Amino acid sequence: MKNSVEVKKLSFNYGKLEILKNLDLNIQDGEFMVLLGPSGCGKTTLLNCIAGLLDLNEGQIWIENDNVTWKEPKDRHIGMVFQSYALYPSMTVEKNLSFGLRMMNVNKGIIQEKIKKASELLQIGDLLHRKPSQLSGGQRQRVAIGRALVRDAKVFLFDEPLSNLDAKLRAELRYEIKKLHRDLGNTMIYVTHDQIEAMTLADRIAVMKNGVIQQLDSPKQIYNKPANLFVADFIGSPGMNFFNGKYNKEENSFSFNNSNISLENYEFENQPEDTSSIVLGIRPEDILLNKSANSTEFKIELIEPMGADTLIWLSFENVPFSVRLEGSSNYKLGDLIHLEFNIKRASLFDKKSEKRI
């Protein structure tokens, strides 16, 4: 499959502050790529570089086999959707949708055809004669997406478009954007710090930290096999549980304070260089209720009902950890339960390098 967007050895600085560091990223034609990371990691800066809103210090950007590194945004065949909607308050929805096309002197008949198609896709046909002040947040964001759609862009760029909306509207628009990508088949690059958006929308996720891509893979692979401690900790709600210990090579086990956990079912990717400093990570849903000989008894210290799930908190050798149970669970504070780690689903990391082993 051909690449739609190629970022080659890109570096960007604000004065002496290095934001992006020799970054490479290839995005395939028709792919939904999500740039995910905490605030300040460089994801929006990267998107703005692709859009042409910022000048690079080093590197190149190619869109559809065209070197656009020094081209103006209007010449890059992109459509951009901003967090703040960026609609003209004095114009109707129809005028907002058509503004860019009118500035390019596009034929009126073609403009009407494009507006009709975009409004049908986004279900905003009955809003065309309203002004932005008469719309809800979700409707405004649909109009902002529609304005990008009418440009017939090769690549759509989304800069945290749902962050101003409430939870219900975010869920609705996630569905709309996913459906839009399915119907259009265009390349989409989407910036967010919300991992739920990333996991539900992306074909692939680029997890970023300090201007560097930590892992680039499918949502499933990133969740199940995080490349390092940062990715493991950042992805998942609630986060992964971590235990510091050492690797016993002779017994193939993880030693944690006074406990030994067999690693017989763990698939090593690399052998640890320093066996004395290992981190075991395991997600709350991979700690199982079990009363077998290998299980351990724990006392429930905190309960968080979450509807479909119930999260319980316990401690293991004075280290707190969480377990995800079914929402119908009827456990109470102080109850004793037997648990066992599903080591096949666990992750081991070298504490010094923080890389998966």
Protein backbone atom coordinates (compact mmCIF):
# COMPACT_ATOMS: atom_id res chain seq x y z
CA MET A 1 0.00 0.00 0.00
CA LYS A 2 1.35 3.45 -0.92
CA ASN A 3 2.07 6.14 1.65
CA SER A 4 -0.26 9.12 1.78
CA VAL A 5 1.84 11.22 4.18
CA GLU A 6 5.56 10.86 4.84
CA VAL A 7 7.38 12.75 7.59
CA LYS A 8 11.14 12.46 7.13
CA LYS A 9 13.71 13.35 9.80
CA LEU A 10 11.54 16.20 11.06
CA SER A 11 12.90 18.49 13.76
CA PHE A 12 11.20 21.56 15.16
CA ASN A 13 12.41 23.99 17.82
CA TYR A 14 10.87 26.95 19.63
CA GLY A 15 14.05 28.99 20.06
CA LYS A 16 16.41 26.69 21.96
CA LEU A 17 13.59 24.39 23.08
CA GLU A 18 13.54 21.19 21.02
CA ILE A 19 9.93 20.04 20.46
CA LEU A 20 10.28 17.36 17.75
CA LYS A 21 13.45 15.34 17.42
CA ASN A 22 14.49 13.77 14.10
CA LEU A 23 11.00 12.26 13.74
CA ASP A 24 9.98 9.79 11.01
CA LEU A 25 6.38 8.78 10.32
CA ASN A 26 4.78 7.08 7.31
CA ILE A 27 0.97 7.12 7.04
CA GLN A 28 -0.64 4.82 4.50
CA ASP A 29 -3.25 5.85 1.97
CA GLY A 30 -6.71 5.79 3.58
CA GLU A 31 -5.33 5.15 7.06
CA PHE A 32 -6.74 6.64 10.27
CA MET A 33 -3.65 7.63 12.24
CA VAL A 34 -3.96 8.93 15.80
CA LEU A 35 -1.20 10.97 17.46
CA LEU A 36 -1.62 10.29 21.18
CA GLY A 37 0.24 11.59 24.19
CA PRO A 38 0.14 13.91 27.21
CA SER A 39 0.09 17.69 26.93
CA GLY A 40 3.39 19.04 25.67
CA CYS A 41 4.51 15.84 23.94
CA GLY A 42 4.61 17.50 20.48
CA LYS A 43 1.57 15.91 18.83
CA THR A 44 -0.18 19.19 17.89
CA THR A 45 3.14 20.68 16.78
CA LEU A 46 3.61 17.71 14.44
CA LEU A 47 0.08 18.16 13.05
CA ASN A 48 0.71 21.89 12.48
CA CYS A 49 3.97 21.09 10.67
CA ILE A 50 2.09 18.69 8.37
CA ALA A 51 -0.56 21.39 7.80
CA GLY A 52 2.07 24.00 6.95
CA LEU A 53 1.21 26.25 9.88
CA LEU A 54 4.77 25.95 11.24
CA ASP A 55 8.11 26.01 9.43
CA LEU A 56 10.44 23.09 10.08
CA ASN A 57 13.99 23.43 11.33
CA GLU A 58 15.00 20.23 9.54
CA GLY A 59 13.35 17.44 7.56
CA GLN A 60 10.71 17.05 4.88
CA ILE A 61 6.97 16.44 4.58
CA TRP A 62 5.50 14.64 1.58
CA ILE A 63 1.77 14.37 0.79
CA GLU A 64 0.69 12.08 -2.05
CA ASN A 65 4.29 11.85 -3.39
CA ASP A 66 4.56 15.65 -3.46
CA ASN A 67 7.21 17.41 -1.37
CA VAL A 68 5.11 20.06 0.41
CA THR A 69 7.74 21.05 2.99
CA TRP A 70 7.71 24.72 1.97
CA LYS A 71 4.27 24.95 0.38
CA GLU A 72 1.49 27.10 1.82
CA PRO A 73 -1.33 25.30 3.68
CA LYS A 74 -3.79 26.09 0.85
CA ASP A 75 -1.55 24.22 -1.62
CA ARG A 76 -1.22 21.02 0.42
CA HIS A 77 -4.66 19.54 -0.39
CA ILE A 78 -5.54 19.20 3.29
CA GLY A 79 -8.66 19.88 5.31
CA MET A 80 -8.21 20.84 8.96
CA VAL A 81 -10.65 20.67 11.87
CA PHE A 82 -9.71 22.66 14.97
CA GLN A 83 -10.58 22.21 18.64
CA SER A 84 -12.21 25.68 18.74
CA TYR A 85 -14.49 25.11 15.66
CA ALA A 86 -13.18 28.40 14.12
CA LEU A 87 -16.53 29.28 12.50
CA TYR A 88 -17.45 32.78 11.31
CA PRO A 89 -20.14 33.93 13.79
CA SER A 90 -21.85 36.36 11.38
CA MET A 91 -22.27 33.75 8.62
CA THR A 92 -24.88 31.03 8.30
CA VAL A 93 -23.83 27.39 8.29
CA GLU A 94 -24.17 27.35 4.50
CA LYS A 95 -21.91 30.42 4.16
CA ASN A 96 -19.36 28.90 6.55
CA LEU A 97 -19.27 25.71 4.50
CA SER A 98 -18.87 27.53 1.22
CA PHE A 99 -16.49 30.30 2.29
CA GLY A 100 -13.25 28.63 1.20
CA LEU A 101 -14.72 27.56 -2.12
CA ARG A 102 -16.08 31.05 -2.80
CA MET A 103 -12.64 32.53 -2.14
CA MET A 104 -11.28 30.13 -4.79
CA ASN A 105 -13.98 31.28 -7.26
CA VAL A 106 -15.45 27.80 -7.59
CA ASN A 107 -18.59 27.56 -9.73
CA LYS A 108 -21.81 28.12 -7.70
CA GLY A 109 -23.36 24.90 -8.94
CA ILE A 110 -20.34 22.89 -7.78
CA ILE A 111 -20.41 24.66 -4.42
CA GLN A 112 -24.07 23.75 -3.89
CA GLU A 113 -23.41 20.15 -4.87
CA LYS A 114 -20.51 19.87 -2.40
CA ILE A 115 -22.52 21.48 0.42
CA LYS A 116 -25.44 19.13 -0.24
CA LYS A 117 -23.16 16.07 -0.13
CA ALA A 118 -21.34 17.19 3.04
CA SER A 119 -24.54 18.17 4.86
CA GLU A 120 -26.12 14.79 4.06
CA LEU A 121 -23.03 12.92 5.31
CA LEU A 122 -22.99 14.90 8.55
CA GLN A 123 -26.77 15.21 8.97
CA ILE A 124 -26.73 19.02 9.15
CA GLY A 125 -29.03 19.73 6.18
CA ASP A 126 -31.68 21.35 8.39
CA LEU A 127 -29.08 23.67 9.99
CA LEU A 128 -27.83 25.40 6.83
CA HIS A 129 -29.65 28.69 7.48
CA ARG A 130 -28.71 28.96 11.16
CA LYS A 131 -25.76 30.88 12.58
CA PRO A 132 -23.13 29.26 14.88
CA SER A 133 -24.63 30.92 17.98
CA GLN A 134 -27.84 28.96 17.35
CA LEU A 135 -26.05 25.60 17.30
CA SER A 136 -24.99 23.19 20.04
CA GLY A 137 -21.32 22.27 20.48
CA GLY A 138 -21.79 19.01 18.61
CA GLN A 139 -23.54 20.75 15.72
CA ARG A 140 -20.78 23.36 15.48
CA GLN A 141 -18.15 20.65 15.29
CA ARG A 142 -20.12 18.90 12.53
CA VAL A 143 -20.11 22.17 10.59
CA ALA A 144 -16.35 22.52 11.14
CA ILE A 145 -15.86 18.99 9.79
CA GLY A 146 -18.17 19.80 6.87
CA ARG A 147 -16.09 22.85 5.97
CA ALA A 148 -13.06 20.56 5.64
CA LEU A 149 -15.06 18.00 3.65
CA VAL A 150 -16.16 20.37 0.89
CA ARG A 151 -12.54 21.05 -0.03
CA ASP A 152 -12.09 17.51 -1.43
CA ALA A 153 -8.93 17.23 0.64
CA LYS A 154 -6.53 14.34 0.20
CA VAL A 155 -5.73 14.35 3.92
CA PHE A 156 -7.91 15.44 6.84
CA LEU A 157 -6.23 16.77 9.99
CA PHE A 158 -8.12 16.82 13.31
CA ASP A 159 -6.69 18.77 16.26
CA GLU A 160 -8.48 17.51 19.40
CA PRO A 161 -11.89 18.22 17.82
CA LEU A 162 -13.97 16.68 20.62
CA SER A 163 -12.24 18.04 23.71
CA ASN A 164 -14.78 20.88 24.20
CA LEU A 165 -17.77 18.52 24.22
CA ASP A 166 -19.42 16.62 27.05
CA ALA A 167 -19.01 12.84 27.36
CA LYS A 168 -22.25 11.92 25.54
CA LEU A 169 -21.54 14.22 22.59
CA ARG A 170 -17.95 12.96 22.38
CA ALA A 171 -19.21 9.40 22.07
CA GLU A 172 -21.72 10.41 19.38
CA LEU A 173 -19.16 12.33 17.32
CA ARG A 174 -16.57 9.56 17.66
CA TYR A 175 -19.11 7.33 15.95
CA GLU A 176 -19.75 9.97 13.27
CA ILE A 177 -16.04 10.46 12.54
CA LYS A 178 -15.42 6.71 12.39
CA LYS A 179 -18.36 6.29 9.99
CA LEU A 180 -17.16 9.26 7.94
CA HIS A 181 -13.74 7.66 7.51
CA ARG A 182 -15.36 4.40 6.47
CA ASP A 183 -17.55 6.15 3.89
CA LEU A 184 -14.88 8.48 2.47
CA GLY A 185 -11.77 6.30 2.69
CA ASN A 186 -9.53 9.41 2.97
CA THR A 187 -6.37 9.57 5.03
CA MET A 188 -7.07 11.07 8.46
CA ILE A 189 -4.59 12.24 11.10
CA TYR A 190 -6.13 12.85 14.49
CA VAL A 191 -4.53 14.45 17.56
CA THR A 192 -5.82 13.64 21.04
CA HIS A 193 -4.72 13.06 24.62
CA ASP A 194 -7.84 10.91 25.19
CA GLN A 195 -6.87 7.26 24.95
CA ILE A 196 -10.48 6.12 24.49
CA GLU A 197 -10.73 8.25 21.34
CA ALA A 198 -7.42 6.84 20.15
CA MET A 199 -8.33 3.20 20.81
CA THR A 200 -11.78 3.43 19.20
CA LEU A 201 -10.87 5.49 16.12
CA ALA A 202 -7.37 4.50 15.04
CA ASP A 203 -6.05 2.01 12.55
CA ARG A 204 -2.67 2.75 14.13
CA ILE A 205 -1.62 4.90 17.08
CA ALA A 206 1.62 6.84 17.44
CA VAL A 207 2.18 7.23 21.18
CA MET A 208 4.40 10.29 21.77
CA LYS A 209 6.50 11.58 24.64
CA ASN A 210 8.90 14.54 24.59
CA GLY A 211 8.78 14.85 20.80
CA VAL A 212 9.62 11.19 20.18
CA ILE A 213 7.30 8.38 19.03
CA GLN A 214 7.47 5.72 21.74
CA GLN A 215 5.40 3.10 19.90
CA LEU A 216 3.64 2.98 16.54
CA ASP A 217 1.21 0.09 16.22
CA SER A 218 -2.42 -1.03 16.20
CA PRO A 219 -4.55 -0.18 19.26
CA LYS A 220 -4.75 -3.88 20.18
CA GLN A 221 -0.98 -4.37 20.05
CA ILE A 222 -0.27 -1.19 22.02
CA TYR A 223 -2.73 -2.19 24.73
CA ASN A 224 -1.63 -5.83 24.97
CA LYS A 225 2.11 -5.47 24.33
CA PRO A 226 3.28 -1.95 25.25
CA ALA A 227 6.83 -1.29 24.07
CA ASN A 228 7.97 0.41 27.28
CA LEU A 229 6.89 1.52 30.74
CA PHE A 230 5.62 4.90 29.55
CA VAL A 231 3.22 3.36 27.01
CA ALA A 232 2.09 0.72 29.51
CA ASP A 233 1.33 3.37 32.11
CA PHE A 234 -0.30 5.87 29.72
CA ILE A 235 -2.63 3.42 27.95
CA GLY A 236 -5.49 1.94 29.94
CA SER A 237 -8.14 3.27 32.29
CA PRO A 238 -7.49 2.50 35.05
CA GLY A 239 -3.79 2.12 34.42
CA MET A 240 -1.68 -1.00 34.50
CA ASN A 241 -0.56 -2.29 37.91
CA PHE A 242 3.23 -2.33 38.43
CA PHE A 243 5.37 -4.37 40.82
CA ASN A 244 9.14 -3.96 41.24
CA GLY A 245 11.17 -7.13 41.71
CA LYS A 246 13.83 -9.34 40.14
CA TYR A 247 13.98 -12.20 37.66
CA ASN A 248 15.02 -15.63 38.93
CA LYS A 249 16.45 -17.31 35.82
CA GLU A 250 16.86 -20.78 37.36
CA GLU A 251 13.24 -20.97 38.49
CA ASN A 252 11.93 -18.73 35.64
CA SER A 253 10.02 -16.67 38.16
CA PHE A 254 9.48 -13.07 39.27
CA SER A 255 10.51 -12.43 42.87
CA PHE A 256 8.63 -9.64 44.59
CA ASN A 257 9.42 -8.99 48.27
CA ASN A 258 8.46 -12.31 49.89
CA SER A 259 6.53 -13.68 46.91
CA ASN A 260 7.50 -15.72 43.85
CA ILE A 261 5.37 -15.64 40.68
CA SER A 262 6.01 -18.27 38.02
CA LEU A 263 6.71 -16.90 34.51
CA GLU A 264 6.21 -20.26 32.80
CA ASN A 265 3.47 -18.85 30.54
CA TYR A 266 5.19 -15.52 29.79
CA GLU A 267 6.55 -15.00 26.26
CA PHE A 268 9.89 -13.16 26.51
CA GLU A 269 10.78 -10.84 23.65
CA ASN A 270 14.30 -10.22 25.00
CA GLN A 271 16.18 -11.64 27.93
CA PRO A 272 16.69 -9.06 30.71
CA GLU A 273 20.18 -7.58 30.93
CA ASP A 274 19.86 -6.79 34.63
CA THR A 275 17.85 -9.54 36.32
CA SER A 276 17.92 -7.74 39.66
CA SER A 277 15.70 -4.85 38.58
CA ILE A 278 12.55 -5.93 36.73
CA VAL A 279 9.04 -4.43 36.65
CA LEU A 280 6.01 -6.70 36.28
CA GLY A 281 2.98 -4.95 34.77
CA ILE A 282 -0.50 -6.44 34.69
CA ARG A 283 -3.84 -4.89 33.80
CA PRO A 284 -6.77 -4.94 36.27
CA GLU A 285 -8.80 -7.30 34.07
CA ASP A 286 -5.93 -9.82 33.94
CA ILE A 287 -6.01 -10.49 37.67
CA LEU A 288 -8.47 -13.34 38.08
CA LEU A 289 -10.73 -14.62 40.82
CA ASN A 290 -9.36 -18.07 41.60
CA LYS A 291 -9.22 -20.28 44.67
CA SER A 292 -6.59 -22.70 43.34
CA ALA A 293 -3.34 -23.68 45.04
CA ASN A 294 -1.52 -20.87 43.17
CA SER A 295 -3.89 -18.12 44.28
CA THR A 296 -3.36 -15.64 47.12
CA GLU A 297 -5.86 -14.22 49.60
CA PHE A 298 -6.41 -10.45 49.72
CA LYS A 299 -8.64 -8.05 51.64
CA ILE A 300 -10.71 -5.51 49.66
CA GLU A 301 -9.69 -1.97 50.68
CA LEU A 302 -11.75 0.16 48.28
CA ILE A 303 -14.64 -0.39 45.83
CA GLU A 304 -15.42 1.77 42.79
CA PRO A 305 -18.70 0.84 41.02
CA MET A 306 -18.42 1.79 37.33
CA GLY A 307 -21.68 0.45 35.91
CA ALA A 308 -20.72 -2.39 33.59
CA ASP A 309 -17.58 -3.00 35.71
CA THR A 310 -16.61 -2.78 39.35
CA LEU A 311 -13.08 -1.78 40.27
CA ILE A 312 -11.72 -3.04 43.57
CA TRP A 313 -8.49 -1.95 45.23
CA LEU A 314 -6.27 -4.19 47.32
CA SER A 315 -2.58 -4.26 48.27
CA PHE A 316 0.11 -6.85 47.62
CA GLU A 317 3.18 -6.63 49.89
CA ASN A 318 2.12 -3.01 50.70
CA VAL A 319 1.81 -2.09 47.00
CA PRO A 320 -1.76 -1.00 46.03
CA PHE A 321 -3.26 -2.51 42.88
CA SER A 322 -6.66 -2.66 41.18
CA VAL A 323 -8.78 -5.51 39.85
CA ARG A 324 -11.62 -5.19 37.36
CA LEU A 325 -14.69 -7.33 38.10
CA GLU A 326 -18.16 -7.58 36.60
CA GLY A 327 -20.55 -4.78 37.51
CA SER A 328 -22.86 -7.27 39.16
CA SER A 329 -20.21 -8.22 41.76
CA ASN A 330 -21.53 -7.94 45.31
CA TYR A 331 -18.29 -7.71 47.27
CA LYS A 332 -18.05 -5.38 50.28
CA LEU A 333 -15.18 -3.55 51.98
CA GLY A 334 -13.11 -5.94 54.09
CA ASP A 335 -14.18 -9.07 52.16
CA LEU A 336 -11.43 -11.63 51.55
CA ILE A 337 -10.96 -12.88 47.98
CA HIS A 338 -8.51 -15.22 46.24
CA LEU A 339 -6.70 -13.89 43.16
CA GLU A 340 -4.24 -15.16 40.60
CA PHE A 341 -2.22 -13.24 37.95
CA ASN A 342 -2.76 -14.24 34.33
CA ILE A 343 0.94 -14.15 33.47
CA LYS A 344 0.29 -14.89 29.80
CA ARG A 345 -1.28 -11.40 29.60
CA ALA A 346 1.32 -9.65 31.75
CA SER A 347 4.21 -7.41 30.65
CA LEU A 348 7.80 -7.38 31.93
CA PHE A 349 10.07 -4.34 31.67
CA ASP A 350 13.71 -3.63 32.36
CA LYS A 351 13.61 -0.96 35.06
CA LYS A 352 16.74 0.84 33.82
CA SER A 353 15.97 1.03 30.08
CA GLU A 354 12.16 0.85 30.68
CA LYS A 355 11.89 -1.38 27.57
CA ARG A 356 9.70 -4.46 27.28
CA ILE A 357 11.47 -7.78 27.78
